[in-house]
Amino acid sequence: MTSTTKTPPTKLDVPLLDLKGQYAALKSEIMPVVERVLDGQYMINGPEVGEFERQAAGYCDTKFAVGCSSGTDALILAMMALEIKPGDEVITSPFTFFATVGSIHRHGAKPAFVDIDPGTLNFDTEQLEEAVNEKTRAIAPVHLFGQMADMDTVLDVAEKHDLKIIEDSAQSIGSKQNGAPSGSLGDVGCFSFFPSKNLGGAGDGGLCTTQDEEVYERLKMLRMHGGKQRYYHDEVGGNFRLDTLQAAYLSVKLKHLDNWHEGRRRNAAFYDEHLAEVEEVTTPIIAEGNESIYNQYTLRVQQRDELQAFLGEAGVGSAIYYPLCMHEQKCFAYLGHSTGDFPIAEQAAAEVLSIPIYPELKEEQLAHVVETVKSFYA
């Protein structure tokens, strides 16, 4: 079966994401804030940065938050603040966005992998302790697609072996596990405000959260070239600041975030119900105790590439997150892994397909997505 052997439903435009629609609804709130920043010309470390950090810490139920330049830089900043050294091993998932593993490598540490859970697609914490060795320094759970990894086990293993925990919360701001928000349980939580995220900026931006005041002070210092006082540097840090404009923009959007999460959950429930009868499709599995924010709504499907082409013919946007696992990437060949080392992650990479889930979707659009998927497998 291929997309050329079936006729898709009458075309209806359902983009994977509609950022223009979201902006149009908020334009009257955003523009006065942007103009205030531009009029004040306090473009770096303006008061809006501190205010957004306070709001974000409150939202994530952490004592402290430090804005930074991107989600990638948040991960690097966390490793610097937690004093991860060259040669230290950091355990994470092979099924994630490149920045998770790339940041470990760039910091001089060594990525170590455990395979994923076939249901949640987060790393399989039952394999976690087996991966710990004398070089292991930290665990970096990835809260993939808006659902938190099994943090109870991560916390237990970390305490037993005296390991740091860096939560990759780039896709999970607002998700919870047994009531605890993403980014509130590890030593540092790392968030991304890439425009396509549930809380997306007007460009790159990121955030580190922590409950530890000493770590907080180090995060602040290291994002400013390692200095507490201008031109005096205790350490070699980096230029990891969050722009004032981004902080002001994100503060406006943060007020709407919970409503957007609820909209995504409603849309997910619609898909869950109407795709349940399609045996070739597995809808997202949310672990008990978890509240997902559905940063993506990711299916596991048969004939994935053919279905994606068929959806495109019907006007439905989709994306593959992620087509090649990290242990199979050319740049990580030095780690010595081969295809077959993490088979569940590799199978997921061949089957996953994300479909539109943003809160502004109309019921007509949701129904069209479902009709198109069903007609492909009919």
Foldseek 3Di string as FASTA:
>chain_A
DFLVVFAFDAADAAAQDDLVVVCVVCVVVQVVLLVVCVVVVPWFPPPLQVVLQVVLCVQQVAPTKAKWFFLLVLLLLLCVLVVQAAAAEEEAALQADPSVQVSCVVRNYHYDYAFPDLAQRWGDLVCVLVRDDPRHAAYETECPQFKGDPVVSVVVSCVVVVHFYEYSCQQHRNKFFLRRGQQERTQKYKYWQPQLHLQHFPHTMIMIGHRDPSSNVSSVCQCVQQDPDPPDHPDGHHVTGDTSSRSSNSVSCVVCSVVFLVLLVVLLVVCCVLCVPPVQKDWHDHDPRIDGSRSWGKIFGPPAVSLCVLCVVSNWHKDQSAQDTNCDDPVNCVVVDDPPPRPSSNSSSVGIMTTHRTSVDDPVSSVSVSSRNVSVRD
